[in-house]
PDB file of N, CA and C in Angstrom:
ATOM      1  N   MET A   1      -5.719  46.255  16.130  1.00  0.00           N
ATOM      2  CA  MET A   1      -4.691  45.241  15.984  1.00  0.00           C
ATOM      3  C   MET A   1      -4.903  44.486  14.683  1.00  0.00           C
ATOM      4  N   LYS A   2      -3.821  44.006  14.147  1.00  0.00           N
ATOM      5  CA  LYS A   2      -3.874  43.258  12.905  1.00  0.00           C
ATOM      6  C   LYS A   2      -3.542  41.792  13.204  1.00  0.00           C
ATOM      7  N   ALA A   3      -4.325  40.885  12.664  1.00  0.00           N
ATOM      8  CA  ALA A   3      -4.082  39.452  12.871  1.00  0.00           C
ATOM      9  C   ALA A   3      -2.850  39.009  12.099  1.00  0.00           C
ATOM     10  N   ILE A   4      -2.106  38.092  12.684  1.00  0.00           N
ATOM     11  CA  ILE A   4      -0.909  37.550  12.038  1.00  0.00           C
ATOM     12  C   ILE A   4      -1.263  36.209  11.421  1.00  0.00           C
ATOM     13  N   LYS A   5      -0.963  36.061  10.144  1.00  0.00           N
ATOM     14  CA  LYS A   5      -1.205  34.790   9.464  1.00  0.00           C
ATOM     15  C   LYS A   5       0.091  33.986   9.502  1.00  0.00           C
ATOM     16  N   ARG A   6       0.018  32.794  10.074  1.00  0.00           N
ATOM     17  CA  ARG A   6       1.205  31.953  10.211  1.00  0.00           C
ATOM     18  C   ARG A   6       1.154  30.804   9.222  1.00  0.00           C
ATOM     19  N   LYS A   7       2.330  30.448   8.694  1.00  0.00           N
ATOM     20  CA  LYS A   7       2.450  29.278   7.824  1.00  0.00           C
ATOM     21  C   LYS A   7       2.915  28.110   8.674  1.00  0.00           C
ATOM     22  N   PHE A   8       2.156  27.032   8.628  1.00  0.00           N
ATOM     23  CA  PHE A   8       2.493  25.854   9.408  1.00  0.00           C
ATOM     24  C   PHE A   8       3.240  24.840   8.558  1.00  0.00           C
ATOM     25  N   LEU A   9       4.036  24.031   9.208  1.00  0.00           N
ATOM     26  CA  LEU A   9       4.833  22.997   8.558  1.00  0.00           C
ATOM     27  C   LEU A   9       3.923  21.949   7.924  1.00  0.00           C
ATOM     28  N   ASN A  10       4.262  21.541   6.699  1.00  0.00           N
ATOM     29  CA  ASN A  10       3.531  20.502   5.978  1.00  0.00           C
ATOM     30  C   ASN A  10       4.387  19.256   5.862  1.00  0.00           C
ATOM     31  N   PHE A  11       3.759  18.129   5.515  1.00  0.00           N
ATOM     32  CA  PHE A  11       4.511  16.884   5.309  1.00  0.00           C
ATOM     33  C   PHE A  11       5.475  17.002   4.131  1.00  0.00           C
ATOM     34  N   ASN A  12       5.065  17.680   3.092  1.00  0.00           N
ATOM     35  CA  ASN A  12       5.841  17.831   1.866  1.00  0.00           C
ATOM     36  C   ASN A  12       5.678  19.249   1.364  1.00  0.00           C
ATOM     37  N   GLU A  13       6.775  19.935   1.114  1.00  0.00           N
ATOM     38  CA  GLU A  13       6.648  21.267   0.530  1.00  0.00           C
ATOM     39  C   GLU A  13       7.935  21.695  -0.148  1.00  0.00           C
ATOM     40  N   LYS A  14       7.765  22.572  -1.123  1.00  0.00           N
ATOM     41  CA  LYS A  14       8.903  23.172  -1.808  1.00  0.00           C
ATOM     42  C   LYS A  14       9.110  24.548  -1.207  1.00  0.00           C
ATOM     43  N   ILE A  15      10.332  24.791  -0.782  1.00  0.00           N
ATOM     44  CA  ILE A  15      10.674  26.049  -0.136  1.00  0.00           C
ATOM     45  C   ILE A  15      11.569  26.850  -1.069  1.00  0.00           C
ATOM     46  N   ILE A  16      11.136  28.047  -1.388  1.00  0.00           N
ATOM     47  CA  ILE A  16      11.923  28.929  -2.244  1.00  0.00           C
ATOM     48  C   ILE A  16      12.598  29.963  -1.350  1.00  0.00           C
ATOM     49  N   LEU A  17      13.917  29.996  -1.409  1.00  0.00           N
ATOM     50  CA  LEU A  17      14.690  30.979  -0.656  1.00  0.00           C
ATOM     51  C   LEU A  17      15.243  31.970  -1.674  1.00  0.00           C
ATOM     52  N   SER A  18      14.801  33.214  -1.579  1.00  0.00           N
ATOM     53  CA  SER A  18      15.193  34.222  -2.558  1.00  0.00           C
ATOM     54  C   SER A  18      15.284  35.591  -1.892  1.00  0.00           C
ATOM     55  N   LYS A  19      15.588  36.573  -2.706  1.00  0.00           N
ATOM     56  CA  LYS A  19      15.703  37.937  -2.212  1.00  0.00           C
ATOM     57  C   LYS A  19      14.378  38.420  -1.618  1.00  0.00           C
ATOM     58  N   ILE A  20      13.270  37.936  -2.161  1.00  0.00           N
ATOM     59  CA  ILE A  20      11.944  38.360  -1.702  1.00  0.00           C
ATOM     60  C   ILE A  20      11.740  38.036  -0.222  1.00  0.00           C
ATOM     61  N   ASN A  21      12.175  36.854   0.223  1.00  0.00           N
ATOM     62  CA  ASN A  21      12.006  36.473   1.633  1.00  0.00           C
ATOM     63  C   ASN A  21      13.322  36.543   2.417  1.00  0.00           C
ATOM     64  N   ASN A  22      14.289  37.294   1.865  1.00  0.00           N
ATOM     65  CA  ASN A  22      15.596  37.482   2.499  1.00  0.00           C
ATOM     66  C   ASN A  22      16.300  36.148   2.749  1.00  0.00           C
ATOM     67  N   PHE A  23      16.069  35.180   1.846  1.00  0.00           N
ATOM     68  CA  PHE A  23      16.723  33.872   1.875  1.00  0.00           C
ATOM     69  C   PHE A  23      16.461  33.101   3.167  1.00  0.00           C
ATOM     70  N   GLN A  24      15.268  33.297   3.733  1.00  0.00           N
ATOM     71  CA  GLN A  24      14.884  32.581   4.950  1.00  0.00           C
ATOM     72  C   GLN A  24      13.365  32.437   5.015  1.00  0.00           C
ATOM     73  N   VAL A  25      12.916  31.340   5.621  1.00  0.00           N
ATOM     74  CA  VAL A  25      11.484  31.114   5.845  1.00  0.00           C
ATOM     75  C   VAL A  25      11.294  30.591   7.267  1.00  0.00           C
ATOM     76  N   SER A  26      10.083  30.781   7.771  1.00  0.00           N
ATOM     77  CA  SER A  26       9.705  30.246   9.080  1.00  0.00           C
ATOM     78  C   SER A  26       8.463  29.399   8.912  1.00  0.00           C
ATOM     79  N   ARG A  27       8.433  28.295   9.623  1.00  0.00           N
ATOM     80  CA  ARG A  27       7.256  27.440   9.656  1.00  0.00           C
ATOM     81  C   ARG A  27       6.930  27.157  11.112  1.00  0.00           C
ATOM     82  N   TYR A  28       5.666  27.321  11.451  1.00  0.00           N
ATOM     83  CA  TYR A  28       5.223  27.024  12.803  1.00  0.00           C
ATOM     84  C   TYR A  28       4.865  25.554  12.891  1.00  0.00           C
ATOM     85  N   PHE A  29       4.990  25.009  14.084  1.00  0.00           N
ATOM     86  CA  PHE A  29       4.735  23.589  14.290  1.00  0.00           C
ATOM     87  C   PHE A  29       3.520  23.413  15.187  1.00  0.00           C
ATOM     88  N   ASN A  30       2.558  22.637  14.699  1.00  0.00           N
ATOM     89  CA  ASN A  30       1.379  22.297  15.484  1.00  0.00           C
ATOM     90  C   ASN A  30       1.373  20.782  15.651  1.00  0.00           C
ATOM     91  N   PRO A  31       1.592  20.276  16.868  1.00  0.00           N
ATOM     92  CA  PRO A  31       1.681  18.822  17.062  1.00  0.00           C
ATOM     93  C   PRO A  31       0.410  18.074  16.684  1.00  0.00           C
ATOM     94  N   SER A  32      -0.737  18.737  16.680  1.00  0.00           N
ATOM     95  CA  SER A  32      -1.972  18.044  16.306  1.00  0.00           C
ATOM     96  C   SER A  32      -2.053  17.768  14.803  1.00  0.00           C
ATOM     97  N   HIS A  33      -1.194  18.404  13.999  1.00  0.00           N
ATOM     98  CA  HIS A  33      -1.156  18.135  12.556  1.00  0.00           C
ATOM     99  C   HIS A  33      -0.388  16.857  12.242  1.00  0.00           C
ATOM    100  N   PHE A  34       0.385  16.348  13.194  1.00  0.00           N
ATOM    101  CA  PHE A  34       1.247  15.187  12.986  1.00  0.00           C
ATOM    102  C   PHE A  34       0.995  14.163  14.084  1.00  0.00           C
ATOM    103  N   ASN A  35       1.486  12.963  13.864  1.00  0.00           N
ATOM    104  CA  ASN A  35       1.341  11.903  14.855  1.00  0.00           C
ATOM    105  C   ASN A  35       2.736  11.355  15.183  1.00  0.00           C
ATOM    106  N   PHE A  36       3.570  12.191  15.801  1.00  0.00           N
ATOM    107  CA  PHE A  36       4.932  11.812  16.140  1.00  0.00           C
ATOM    108  C   PHE A  36       5.061  11.671  17.646  1.00  0.00           C
ATOM    109  N   GLU A  37       6.003  10.833  18.067  1.00  0.00           N
ATOM    110  CA  GLU A  37       6.177  10.600  19.502  1.00  0.00           C
ATOM    111  C   GLU A  37       7.207  11.532  20.126  1.00  0.00           C
ATOM    112  N   ASP A  38       8.486  11.371  19.726  1.00  0.00           N
ATOM    113  CA  ASP A  38       9.561  12.097  20.392  1.00  0.00           C
ATOM    114  C   ASP A  38      10.250  13.146  19.535  1.00  0.00           C
ATOM    115  N   SER A  39      10.344  12.884  18.230  1.00  0.00           N
ATOM    116  CA  SER A  39      11.136  13.779  17.395  1.00  0.00           C
ATOM    117  C   SER A  39      10.487  14.018  16.043  1.00  0.00           C
ATOM    118  N   LEU A  40      10.918  15.092  15.439  1.00  0.00           N
ATOM    119  CA  LEU A  40      10.466  15.497  14.112  1.00  0.00           C
ATOM    120  C   LEU A  40      11.691  15.451  13.216  1.00  0.00           C
ATOM    121  N   ASN A  41      11.622  14.709  12.126  1.00  0.00           N
ATOM    122  CA  ASN A  41      12.746  14.596  11.199  1.00  0.00           C
ATOM    123  C   ASN A  41      12.462  15.410   9.952  1.00  0.00           C
ATOM    124  N   LEU A  42      13.358  16.355   9.648  1.00  0.00           N
ATOM    125  CA  LEU A  42      13.264  17.154   8.438  1.00  0.00           C
ATOM    126  C   LEU A  42      14.233  16.578   7.417  1.00  0.00           C
ATOM    127  N   HIS A  43      13.743  16.311   6.213  1.00  0.00           N
ATOM    128  CA  HIS A  43      14.575  15.742   5.141  1.00  0.00           C
ATOM    129  C   HIS A  43      14.577  16.702   3.955  1.00  0.00           C
ATOM    130  N   PHE A  44      15.754  17.110   3.545  1.00  0.00           N
ATOM    131  CA  PHE A  44      15.931  17.900   2.332  1.00  0.00           C
ATOM    132  C   PHE A  44      16.468  16.935   1.291  1.00  0.00           C
ATOM    133  N   ASP A  45      15.631  16.582   0.294  1.00  0.00           N
ATOM    134  CA  ASP A  45      16.034  15.526  -0.638  1.00  0.00           C
ATOM    135  C   ASP A  45      16.147  15.990  -2.084  1.00  0.00           C
ATOM    136  N   TYR A  46      16.027  17.292  -2.311  1.00  0.00           N
ATOM    137  CA  TYR A  46      16.162  17.816  -3.668  1.00  0.00           C
ATOM    138  C   TYR A  46      16.434  19.308  -3.578  1.00  0.00           C
ATOM    139  N   SER A  47      17.270  19.814  -4.464  1.00  0.00           N
ATOM    140  CA  SER A  47      17.518  21.255  -4.488  1.00  0.00           C
ATOM    141  C   SER A  47      17.784  21.721  -5.910  1.00  0.00           C
ATOM    142  N   GLU A  48      17.498  22.975  -6.144  1.00  0.00           N
ATOM    143  CA  GLU A  48      17.903  23.680  -7.359  1.00  0.00           C
ATOM    144  C   GLU A  48      18.649  24.910  -6.893  1.00  0.00           C
ATOM    145  N   GLY A  49      19.808  25.106  -7.418  1.00  0.00           N
ATOM    146  CA  GLY A  49      20.643  26.220  -7.002  1.00  0.00           C
ATOM    147  C   GLY A  49      21.963  25.677  -6.489  1.00  0.00           C
ATOM    148  N   ARG A  50      23.052  26.341  -6.857  1.00  0.00           N
ATOM    149  CA  ARG A  50      24.380  25.873  -6.436  1.00  0.00           C
ATOM    150  C   ARG A  50      25.195  27.036  -5.902  1.00  0.00           C
ATOM    151  N   GLY A  51      26.262  26.683  -5.203  1.00  0.00           N
ATOM    152  CA  GLY A  51      27.146  27.700  -4.658  1.00  0.00           C
ATOM    153  C   GLY A  51      26.859  28.026  -3.212  1.00  0.00           C
ATOM    154  N   THR A  52      25.930  27.317  -2.634  1.00  0.00           N
ATOM    155  CA  THR A  52      25.584  27.536  -1.233  1.00  0.00           C
ATOM    156  C   THR A  52      26.495  26.700  -0.348  1.00  0.00           C
ATOM    157  N   ASP A  53      26.859  27.232   0.815  1.00  0.00           N
ATOM    158  CA  ASP A  53      27.730  26.512   1.749  1.00  0.00           C
ATOM    159  C   ASP A  53      26.946  25.642   2.719  1.00  0.00           C
ATOM    160  N   TYR A  54      25.874  26.201   3.298  1.00  0.00           N
ATOM    161  CA  TYR A  54      25.129  25.416   4.279  1.00  0.00           C
ATOM    162  C   TYR A  54      23.699  25.931   4.442  1.00  0.00           C
ATOM    163  N   ILE A  55      22.878  25.052   4.999  1.00  0.00           N
ATOM    164  CA  ILE A  55      21.510  25.387   5.375  1.00  0.00           C
ATOM    165  C   ILE A  55      21.495  25.490   6.894  1.00  0.00           C
ATOM    166  N   ARG A  56      20.936  26.567   7.391  1.00  0.00           N
ATOM    167  CA  ARG A  56      20.828  26.752   8.836  1.00  0.00           C
ATOM    168  C   ARG A  56      19.383  26.467   9.251  1.00  0.00           C
ATOM    169  N   ILE A  57      19.232  25.592  10.237  1.00  0.00           N
ATOM    170  CA  ILE A  57      17.927  25.268  10.797  1.00  0.00           C
ATOM    171  C   ILE A  57      17.906  25.796  12.230  1.00  0.00           C
ATOM    172  N   LEU A  58      16.931  26.604  12.535  1.00  0.00           N
ATOM    173  CA  LEU A  58      16.789  27.159  13.877  1.00  0.00           C
ATOM    174  C   LEU A  58      15.464  26.665  14.460  1.00  0.00           C
ATOM    175  N   ALA A  59      15.542  25.865  15.501  1.00  0.00           N
ATOM    176  CA  ALA A  59      14.347  25.357  16.182  1.00  0.00           C
ATOM    177  C   ALA A  59      14.079  26.248  17.391  1.00  0.00           C
ATOM    178  N   VAL A  60      12.871  26.764  17.488  1.00  0.00           N
ATOM    179  CA  VAL A  60      12.482  27.639  18.594  1.00  0.00           C
ATOM    180  C   VAL A  60      11.488  26.887  19.472  1.00  0.00           C
ATOM    181  N   TYR A  61      11.783  26.853  20.754  1.00  0.00           N
ATOM    182  CA  TYR A  61      10.948  26.169  21.736  1.00  0.00           C
ATOM    183  C   TYR A  61      10.343  27.188  22.688  1.00  0.00           C
ATOM    184  N   ILE A  62       9.124  26.934  23.105  1.00  0.00           N
ATOM    185  CA  ILE A  62       8.442  27.756  24.108  1.00  0.00           C
ATOM    186  C   ILE A  62       8.428  26.976  25.415  1.00  0.00           C
ATOM    187  N   ASP A  63       8.832  27.629  26.489  1.00  0.00           N
ATOM    188  CA  ASP A  63       8.813  26.989  27.801  1.00  0.00           C
ATOM    189  C   ASP A  63       7.468  27.263  28.459  1.00  0.00           C
ATOM    190  N   THR A  64       6.661  26.221  28.583  1.00  0.00           N
ATOM    191  CA  THR A  64       5.301  26.369  29.108  1.00  0.00           C
ATOM    192  C   THR A  64       5.261  26.532  30.629  1.00  0.00           C
ATOM    193  N   SER A  65       6.392  26.324  31.302  1.00  0.00           N
ATOM    194  CA  SER A  65       6.404  26.462  32.755  1.00  0.00           C
ATOM    195  C   SER A  65       6.699  27.898  33.201  1.00  0.00           C
ATOM    196  N   LYS A  66       7.090  28.754  32.283  1.00  0.00           N
ATOM    197  CA  LYS A  66       7.440  30.144  32.625  1.00  0.00           C
ATOM    198  C   LYS A  66       6.223  31.043  32.474  1.00  0.00           C
ATOM    199  N   SER A  67       6.229  32.131  33.197  1.00  0.00           N
ATOM    200  CA  SER A  67       5.129  33.087  33.091  1.00  0.00           C
ATOM    201  C   SER A  67       5.654  34.421  32.575  1.00  0.00           C
ATOM    202  N   MET A  68       4.825  35.095  31.817  1.00  0.00           N
ATOM    203  CA  MET A  68       5.219  36.390  31.264  1.00  0.00           C
ATOM    204  C   MET A  68       5.316  37.452  32.349  1.00  0.00           C
ATOM    205  N   GLU A  69       4.549  37.314  33.410  1.00  0.00           N
ATOM    206  CA  GLU A  69       4.543  38.328  34.466  1.00  0.00           C
ATOM    207  C   GLU A  69       5.896  38.440  35.166  1.00  0.00           C
ATOM    208  N   SER A  70       6.614  37.330  35.257  1.00  0.00           N
ATOM    209  CA  SER A  70       7.911  37.371  35.954  1.00  0.00           C
ATOM    210  C   SER A  70       9.066  37.714  35.007  1.00  0.00           C
ATOM    211  N   TYR A  71       8.756  38.003  33.744  1.00  0.00           N
ATOM    212  CA  TYR A  71       9.740  38.404  32.748  1.00  0.00           C
ATOM    213  C   TYR A  71      10.853  37.370  32.565  1.00  0.00           C
ATOM    214  N   GLU A  72      10.498  36.106  32.703  1.00  0.00           N
ATOM    215  CA  GLU A  72      11.456  35.029  32.477  1.00  0.00           C
ATOM    216  C   GLU A  72      11.545  34.758  30.978  1.00  0.00           C
ATOM    217  N   GLY A  73      12.654  34.182  30.573  1.00  0.00           N
ATOM    218  CA  GLY A  73      12.803  33.828  29.172  1.00  0.00           C
ATOM    219  C   GLY A  73      11.815  32.750  28.769  1.00  0.00           C
ATOM    220  N   LEU A  74      11.053  32.996  27.725  1.00  0.00           N
ATOM    221  CA  LEU A  74      10.051  32.039  27.265  1.00  0.00           C
ATOM    222  C   LEU A  74      10.520  31.242  26.054  1.00  0.00           C
ATOM    223  N   ASP A  75      11.413  31.831  25.257  1.00  0.00           N
ATOM    224  CA  ASP A  75      11.888  31.196  24.025  1.00  0.00           C
ATOM    225  C   ASP A  75      13.278  30.603  24.228  1.00  0.00           C
ATOM    226  N   PHE A  76      13.465  29.418  23.686  1.00  0.00           N
ATOM    227  CA  PHE A  76      14.774  28.764  23.684  1.00  0.00           C
ATOM    228  C   PHE A  76      15.034  28.299  22.270  1.00  0.00           C
ATOM    229  N   THR A  77      16.283  28.325  21.845  1.00  0.00           N
ATOM    230  CA  THR A  77      16.590  27.947  20.467  1.00  0.00           C
ATOM    231  C   THR A  77      17.646  26.853  20.412  1.00  0.00           C
ATOM    232  N   GLU A  78      17.588  26.105  19.321  1.00  0.00           N
ATOM    233  CA  GLU A  78      18.598  25.103  19.000  1.00  0.00           C
ATOM    234  C   GLU A  78      18.971  25.340  17.548  1.00  0.00           C
ATOM    235  N   ASP A  79      20.261  25.425  17.270  1.00  0.00           N
ATOM    236  CA  ASP A  79      20.769  25.824  15.957  1.00  0.00           C
ATOM    237  C   ASP A  79      21.501  24.660  15.295  1.00  0.00           C
ATOM    238  N   PHE A  80      21.200  24.398  14.012  1.00  0.00           N
ATOM    239  CA  PHE A  80      21.865  23.336  13.242  1.00  0.00           C
ATOM    240  C   PHE A  80      22.383  23.929  11.938  1.00  0.00           C
ATOM    241  N   LYS A  81      23.567  23.512  11.531  1.00  0.00           N
ATOM    242  CA  LYS A  81      24.118  23.918  10.236  1.00  0.00           C
ATOM    243  C   LYS A  81      24.390  22.658   9.427  1.00  0.00           C
ATOM    244  N   LEU A  82      23.669  22.510   8.323  1.00  0.00           N
ATOM    245  CA  LEU A  82      23.822  21.349   7.455  1.00  0.00           C
ATOM    246  C   LEU A  82      24.675  21.741   6.252  1.00  0.00           C
ATOM    247  N   PRO A  83      25.840  21.117   6.065  1.00  0.00           N
ATOM    248  CA  PRO A  83      26.684  21.462   4.920  1.00  0.00           C
ATOM    249  C   PRO A  83      25.987  21.094   3.610  1.00  0.00           C
ATOM    250  N   PHE A  84      25.992  22.013   2.679  1.00  0.00           N
ATOM    251  CA  PHE A  84      25.330  21.830   1.389  1.00  0.00           C
ATOM    252  C   PHE A  84      26.262  21.092   0.438  1.00  0.00           C
ATOM    253  N   PRO A  85      25.820  19.973  -0.167  1.00  0.00           N
ATOM    254  CA  PRO A  85      26.686  19.236  -1.098  1.00  0.00           C
ATOM    255  C   PRO A  85      27.063  20.092  -2.307  1.00  0.00           C
ATOM    256  N   GLU A  86      28.254  19.889  -2.819  1.00  0.00           N
ATOM    257  CA  GLU A  86      28.776  20.700  -3.916  1.00  0.00           C
ATOM    258  C   GLU A  86      27.885  20.656  -5.156  1.00  0.00           C
ATOM    259  N   GLY A  87      27.372  19.493  -5.493  1.00  0.00           N
ATOM    260  CA  GLY A  87      26.532  19.351  -6.679  1.00  0.00           C
ATOM    261  C   GLY A  87      25.058  19.554  -6.416  1.00  0.00           C
ATOM    262  N   GLY A  88      24.685  19.988  -5.235  1.00  0.00           N
ATOM    263  CA  GLY A  88      23.278  20.142  -4.871  1.00  0.00           C
ATOM    264  C   GLY A  88      22.784  18.910  -4.133  1.00  0.00           C
ATOM    265  N   ILE A  89      21.567  18.963  -3.683  1.00  0.00           N
ATOM    266  CA  ILE A  89      20.986  17.868  -2.909  1.00  0.00           C
ATOM    267  C   ILE A  89      20.199  16.949  -3.843  1.00  0.00           C
ATOM    268  N   THR A  90      20.424  15.647  -3.703  1.00  0.00           N
ATOM    269  CA  THR A  90      19.684  14.643  -4.459  1.00  0.00           C
ATOM    270  C   THR A  90      19.202  13.574  -3.473  1.00  0.00           C
ATOM    271  N   LYS A  91      18.447  12.619  -3.967  1.00  0.00           N
ATOM    272  CA  LYS A  91      17.960  11.523  -3.105  1.00  0.00           C
ATOM    273  C   LYS A  91      19.127  10.750  -2.494  1.00  0.00           C
ATOM    274  N   GLN A  92      20.250  10.640  -3.222  1.00  0.00           N
ATOM    275  CA  GLN A  92      21.394   9.875  -2.727  1.00  0.00           C
ATOM    276  C   GLN A  92      22.134  10.596  -1.598  1.00  0.00           C
ATOM    277  N   ASN A  93      22.131  11.904  -1.605  1.00  0.00           N
ATOM    278  CA  ASN A  93      22.862  12.637  -0.560  1.00  0.00           C
ATOM    279  C   ASN A  93      21.948  13.616   0.178  1.00  0.00           C
ATOM    280  N   GLU A  94      20.749  13.160   0.514  1.00  0.00           N
ATOM    281  CA  GLU A  94      19.799  14.037   1.200  1.00  0.00           C
ATOM    282  C   GLU A  94      20.346  14.493   2.551  1.00  0.00           C
ATOM    283  N   LEU A  95      19.925  15.663   2.953  1.00  0.00           N
ATOM    284  CA  LEU A  95      20.294  16.213   4.258  1.00  0.00           C
ATOM    285  C   LEU A  95      19.114  16.025   5.193  1.00  0.00           C
ATOM    286  N   SER A  96      19.394  15.675   6.424  1.00  0.00           N
ATOM    287  CA  SER A  96      18.302  15.532   7.388  1.00  0.00           C
ATOM    288  C   SER A  96      18.753  15.984   8.771  1.00  0.00           C
ATOM    289  N   VAL A  97      17.778  16.388   9.543  1.00  0.00           N
ATOM    290  CA  VAL A  97      18.023  16.812  10.918  1.00  0.00           C
ATOM    291  C   VAL A  97      16.830  16.357  11.751  1.00  0.00           C
ATOM    292  N   SER A  98      17.116  15.960  12.978  1.00  0.00           N
ATOM    293  CA  SER A  98      16.084  15.487  13.888  1.00  0.00           C
ATOM    294  C   SER A  98      15.911  16.516  15.015  1.00  0.00           C
ATOM    295  N   LEU A  99      14.674  16.967  15.209  1.00  0.00           N
ATOM    296  CA  LEU A  99      14.366  17.951  16.240  1.00  0.00           C
ATOM    297  C   LEU A  99      13.513  17.303  17.319  1.00  0.00           C
ATOM    298  N   LYS A 100      13.841  17.577  18.560  1.00  0.00           N
ATOM    299  CA  LYS A 100      13.025  17.073  19.672  1.00  0.00           C
ATOM    300  C   LYS A 100      11.704  17.825  19.682  1.00  0.00           C
ATOM    301  N   LEU A 101      10.616  17.113  19.906  1.00  0.00           N
ATOM    302  CA  LEU A 101       9.313  17.769  19.985  1.00  0.00           C
ATOM    303  C   LEU A 101       9.087  18.389  21.354  1.00  0.00           C
ATOM    304  N   LYS A 102       9.642  17.749  22.369  1.00  0.00           N
ATOM    305  CA  LYS A 102       9.439  18.222  23.734  1.00  0.00           C
ATOM    306  C   LYS A 102      10.654  17.857  24.572  1.00  0.00           C
ATOM    307  N   GLU A 103      11.083  18.795  25.394  1.00  0.00           N
ATOM    308  CA  GLU A 103      12.155  18.533  26.352  1.00  0.00           C
ATOM    309  C   GLU A 103      11.761  19.213  27.653  1.00  0.00           C
ATOM    310  N   ASP A 104      11.488  18.423  28.659  1.00  0.00           N
ATOM    311  CA  ASP A 104      10.952  18.929  29.930  1.00  0.00           C
ATOM    312  C   ASP A 104       9.656  19.699  29.646  1.00  0.00           C
ATOM    313  N   SER A 105       9.642  20.969  29.955  1.00  0.00           N
ATOM    314  CA  SER A 105       8.442  21.781  29.725  1.00  0.00           C
ATOM    315  C   SER A 105       8.537  22.618  28.447  1.00  0.00           C
ATOM    316  N   LYS A 106       9.579  22.380  27.655  1.00  0.00           N
ATOM    317  CA  LYS A 106       9.786  23.139  26.425  1.00  0.00           C
ATOM    318  C   LYS A 106       9.171  22.386  25.247  1.00  0.00           C
ATOM    319  N   LEU A 107       8.365  23.104  24.448  1.00  0.00           N
ATOM    320  CA  LEU A 107       7.685  22.519  23.299  1.00  0.00           C
ATOM    321  C   LEU A 107       8.148  23.191  22.011  1.00  0.00           C
ATOM    322  N   LEU A 108       8.366  22.389  20.962  1.00  0.00           N
ATOM    323  CA  LEU A 108       8.742  22.935  19.656  1.00  0.00           C
ATOM    324  C   LEU A 108       7.610  23.809  19.146  1.00  0.00           C
ATOM    325  N   TRP A 109       7.962  25.012  18.712  1.00  0.00           N
ATOM    326  CA  TRP A 109       6.954  25.976  18.319  1.00  0.00           C
ATOM    327  C   TRP A 109       7.165  26.489  16.899  1.00  0.00           C
ATOM    328  N   LYS A 110       8.428  26.686  16.519  1.00  0.00           N
ATOM    329  CA  LYS A 110       8.708  27.341  15.249  1.00  0.00           C
ATOM    330  C   LYS A 110      10.028  26.813  14.689  1.00  0.00           C
ATOM    331  N   ILE A 111      10.114  26.728  13.364  1.00  0.00           N
ATOM    332  CA  ILE A 111      11.325  26.262  12.691  1.00  0.00           C
ATOM    333  C   ILE A 111      11.713  27.301  11.645  1.00  0.00           C
ATOM    334  N   GLY A 112      12.949  27.764  11.712  1.00  0.00           N
ATOM    335  CA  GLY A 112      13.464  28.716  10.736  1.00  0.00           C
ATOM    336  C   GLY A 112      14.446  28.022   9.814  1.00  0.00           C
ATOM    337  N   ILE A 113      14.389  28.346   8.522  1.00  0.00           N
ATOM    338  CA  ILE A 113      15.301  27.761   7.535  1.00  0.00           C
ATOM    339  C   ILE A 113      15.953  28.910   6.778  1.00  0.00           C
ATOM    340  N   GLN A 114      17.287  28.924   6.783  1.00  0.00           N
ATOM    341  CA  GLN A 114      18.053  29.958   6.086  1.00  0.00           C
ATOM    342  C   GLN A 114      19.124  29.288   5.236  1.00  0.00           C
ATOM    343  N   ILE A 115      19.638  30.037   4.270  1.00  0.00           N
ATOM    344  CA  ILE A 115      20.688  29.504   3.417  1.00  0.00           C
ATOM    345  C   ILE A 115      21.830  30.520   3.351  1.00  0.00           C
ATOM    346  N   PHE A 116      23.068  30.009   3.387  1.00  0.00           N
ATOM    347  CA  PHE A 116      24.263  30.872   3.347  1.00  0.00           C
ATOM    348  C   PHE A 116      25.274  30.307   2.374  1.00  0.00           C
ATOM    349  N   PRO A 117      25.949  31.108   1.590  1.00  0.00           N
ATOM    350  CA  PRO A 117      25.645  32.512   1.337  1.00  0.00           C
ATOM    351  C   PRO A 117      24.283  32.641   0.663  1.00  0.00           C
ATOM    352  N   LYS A 118      23.801  33.841   0.626  1.00  0.00           N
ATOM    353  CA  LYS A 118      22.452  34.097   0.146  1.00  0.00           C
ATOM    354  C   LYS A 118      22.387  33.993  -1.376  1.00  0.00           C
ATOM    355  N   LEU A 119      21.971  32.826  -1.845  1.00  0.00           N
ATOM    356  CA  LEU A 119      21.784  32.566  -3.271  1.00  0.00           C
ATOM    357  C   LEU A 119      20.400  31.981  -3.486  1.00  0.00           C
ATOM    358  N   GLU A 120      19.764  32.318  -4.592  1.00  0.00           N
ATOM    359  CA  GLU A 120      18.430  31.793  -4.865  1.00  0.00           C
ATOM    360  C   GLU A 120      18.473  30.278  -4.945  1.00  0.00           C
ATOM    361  N   THR A 121      17.637  29.640  -4.152  1.00  0.00           N
ATOM    362  CA  THR A 121      17.638  28.175  -4.031  1.00  0.00           C
ATOM    363  C   THR A 121      16.222  27.676  -3.812  1.00  0.00           C
ATOM    364  N   LEU A 122      15.926  26.531  -4.405  1.00  0.00           N
ATOM    365  CA  LEU A 122      14.680  25.831  -4.162  1.00  0.00           C
ATOM    366  C   LEU A 122      15.018  24.556  -3.437  1.00  0.00           C
ATOM    367  N   LEU A 123      14.341  24.287  -2.327  1.00  0.00           N
ATOM    368  CA  LEU A 123      14.567  23.084  -1.538  1.00  0.00           C
ATOM    369  C   LEU A 123      13.265  22.298  -1.438  1.00  0.00           C
ATOM    370  N   HIS A 124      13.366  20.979  -1.517  1.00  0.00           N
ATOM    371  CA  HIS A 124      12.206  20.138  -1.244  1.00  0.00           C
ATOM    372  C   HIS A 124      12.362  19.600   0.167  1.00  0.00           C
ATOM    373  N   LEU A 125      11.364  19.848   1.001  1.00  0.00           N
ATOM    374  CA  LEU A 125      11.372  19.424   2.398  1.00  0.00           C
ATOM    375  C   LEU A 125      10.277  18.406   2.614  1.00  0.00           C
ATOM    376  N   SER A 126      10.651  17.291   3.234  1.00  0.00           N
ATOM    377  CA  SER A 126       9.656  16.308   3.664  1.00  0.00           C
ATOM    378  C   SER A 126       9.860  16.040   5.146  1.00  0.00           C
ATOM    379  N   VAL A 127       8.786  15.643   5.806  1.00  0.00           N
ATOM    380  CA  VAL A 127       8.772  15.469   7.257  1.00  0.00           C
ATOM    381  C   VAL A 127       8.421  14.026   7.594  1.00  0.00           C
ATOM    382  N   SER A 128       9.133  13.473   8.564  1.00  0.00           N
ATOM    383  CA  SER A 128       8.784  12.110   9.041  1.00  0.00           C
ATOM    384  C   SER A 128       8.966  12.061  10.543  1.00  0.00           C
TER     385      SER A 128
END
């Protein structure tokens, strides 16, 4: 077996969406890396690249009350589409989305970020 190396979400990072990563990235969420109570806020406050319509954020939750033996669904998703400003993202028109960290027995596990249409773009992401 081969070990899988996962990239975890950071407080501040520059995300490059290009042909190399098929214009999408995934970041795993570890609650012990942060000190948040109920929600995780993602802020996109800078971008390079124009002509994009929207940023898609996909939050993946794992249901800790389900068991694999009973073949129940373990993953749940929540989908957000953030309209991309015509002139790009700046501090004045930053995009943000709030994700629940926990809902019942479901825990935030992974965050996917995609851009449509697929154009090379650099995004600055900060977390609060």
